[in-house]
Amino acid sequence: MATIEECLGALDRLAENLAEASDGVRRAAALDRSLSCHVKDLDVTFTGHLREGHLKEVRTLPGAPEQRAEIALEMAGDDLVALVDGRLDFARAWASGRVRLKASLRDVLRLRSIL
């Protein structure tokens, strides 16, 4: 089971990947959306804001998110780390229910190119 620190590290790597992405991926990541990631096995939620290809204002909160973010993810900590490291395919994990995503269809299509 991944720790809170490993999950935060994965989110940091995601932010770095967005900042260093090619122009096409960076345009896909050029969303201006609130984001939450509830890590079920740790019962913690990471919240932040995806803006200009960067993940900003990341906070760690206990339990499930109180407010629904525009992009809301839910998964196990190990899956978050594997997803960011490229060892877990986003589409397959989403289709199998390992990753739950609540977002507009347009945001889902953009997220596929980021993750």
Protein backbone atom coordinates (compact mmCIF):
# COMPACT_ATOMS: atom_id res chain seq x y z
CA MET A 1 0.00 0.00 0.00
CA ALA A 2 1.38 3.40 -1.02
CA THR A 3 1.94 5.99 1.69
CA ILE A 4 0.70 9.57 1.72
CA GLU A 5 4.24 10.71 0.92
CA GLU A 6 4.42 8.37 -2.11
CA CYS A 7 1.07 9.67 -3.34
CA LEU A 8 2.23 13.28 -2.93
CA GLY A 9 5.39 12.35 -4.81
CA ALA A 10 3.27 10.92 -7.62
CA LEU A 11 1.28 14.16 -7.80
CA ASP A 12 4.53 16.13 -7.90
CA ARG A 13 5.74 13.95 -10.80
CA LEU A 14 2.41 14.50 -12.56
CA ALA A 15 2.89 18.26 -12.21
CA GLU A 16 6.47 17.96 -13.54
CA ASN A 17 5.26 15.84 -16.47
CA LEU A 18 2.67 18.48 -17.32
CA ALA A 19 5.24 21.28 -17.15
CA GLU A 20 7.69 19.39 -19.40
CA ALA A 21 5.10 18.00 -21.82
CA SER A 22 5.19 18.54 -25.57
CA ASP A 23 3.03 21.30 -27.01
CA GLY A 24 0.17 18.93 -27.91
CA VAL A 25 -0.04 17.41 -24.45
CA ARG A 26 0.44 20.80 -22.80
CA ARG A 27 -2.52 22.17 -24.79
CA ALA A 28 -4.59 19.22 -23.59
CA ALA A 29 -3.49 19.99 -20.05
CA ALA A 30 -4.29 23.69 -20.43
CA LEU A 31 -7.43 23.19 -18.45
CA ASP A 32 -8.46 25.55 -15.70
CA ARG A 33 -10.21 23.12 -13.39
CA SER A 34 -10.40 22.19 -9.74
CA LEU A 35 -9.11 18.67 -9.15
CA SER A 36 -9.48 16.17 -6.33
CA CYS A 37 -8.04 12.71 -5.92
CA HIS A 38 -9.51 10.60 -3.14
CA VAL A 39 -7.15 7.78 -2.19
CA LYS A 40 -9.52 5.16 -0.82
CA ASP A 41 -7.10 2.93 1.07
CA LEU A 42 -5.55 5.90 2.91
CA ASP A 43 -8.89 7.72 3.30
CA VAL A 44 -7.28 10.99 2.28
CA THR A 45 -8.07 13.45 -0.49
CA PHE A 46 -5.59 15.57 -2.40
CA THR A 47 -7.08 18.74 -3.84
CA GLY A 48 -5.57 21.28 -6.15
CA HIS A 49 -6.06 23.29 -9.27
CA LEU A 50 -4.99 22.29 -12.77
CA ARG A 51 -4.04 25.55 -14.47
CA GLU A 52 -1.80 26.38 -17.45
CA GLY A 53 -0.40 22.86 -17.56
CA HIS A 54 0.54 22.87 -13.87
CA LEU A 55 -1.00 21.34 -10.77
CA LYS A 56 -1.14 24.13 -8.20
CA GLU A 57 -2.26 24.67 -4.62
CA VAL A 58 -2.13 20.98 -3.67
CA ARG A 59 -3.55 20.26 -0.22
CA THR A 60 -4.04 17.04 1.72
CA LEU A 61 -7.36 16.60 3.52
CA PRO A 62 -8.60 13.70 5.65
CA GLY A 63 -11.49 11.60 4.34
CA ALA A 64 -13.60 11.97 1.24
CA PRO A 65 -13.83 15.38 -0.45
CA GLU A 66 -16.43 17.71 1.01
CA GLN A 67 -17.01 19.47 -2.31
CA ARG A 68 -17.02 17.92 -5.73
CA ALA A 69 -14.17 19.18 -7.87
CA GLU A 70 -14.63 19.73 -11.59
CA ILE A 71 -12.34 16.74 -12.09
CA ALA A 72 -12.73 14.16 -9.34
CA LEU A 73 -10.63 11.00 -9.23
CA GLU A 74 -10.86 8.09 -6.80
CA MET A 75 -8.46 5.17 -6.60
CA ALA A 76 -6.08 3.23 -4.37
CA GLY A 77 -2.72 4.77 -3.55
CA ASP A 78 -0.78 2.08 -5.42
CA ASP A 79 -2.88 2.77 -8.52
CA LEU A 80 -2.16 6.52 -8.32
CA VAL A 81 1.58 5.86 -8.19
CA ALA A 82 1.41 3.26 -11.00
CA LEU A 83 -0.74 5.56 -13.16
CA VAL A 84 1.67 8.48 -12.91
CA ASP A 85 4.71 6.21 -13.39
CA GLY A 86 3.17 4.78 -16.58
CA ARG A 87 2.77 1.24 -15.24
CA LEU A 88 -1.04 1.42 -15.24
CA ASP A 89 -3.03 2.29 -18.35
CA PHE A 90 -5.61 4.97 -17.52
CA ALA A 91 -8.28 3.74 -19.97
CA ARG A 92 -8.07 0.13 -18.77
CA ALA A 93 -8.05 1.12 -15.10
CA TRP A 94 -11.06 3.37 -15.65
CA ALA A 95 -12.95 0.72 -17.62
CA SER A 96 -12.29 -1.92 -14.95
CA GLY A 97 -13.34 0.38 -12.09
CA ARG A 98 -9.91 0.64 -10.48
CA VAL A 99 -10.00 4.35 -11.20
CA ARG A 100 -13.21 6.32 -10.84
CA LEU A 101 -13.48 9.63 -12.64
CA LYS A 102 -16.19 12.26 -12.51
CA ALA A 103 -15.69 15.01 -15.08
CA SER A 104 -17.21 16.41 -18.22
CA LEU A 105 -16.75 14.32 -21.38
CA ARG A 106 -14.46 16.97 -22.82
CA ASP A 107 -12.25 16.87 -19.71
CA VAL A 108 -12.17 13.05 -19.80
CA LEU A 109 -10.89 13.12 -23.37
CA ARG A 110 -8.23 15.67 -22.46
CA LEU A 111 -7.16 13.71 -19.38
CA ARG A 112 -6.57 10.60 -21.47
CA SER A 113 -3.72 12.37 -23.27
CA ILE A 114 -2.22 13.56 -19.97
CA LEU A 115 -2.41 10.27 -18.10
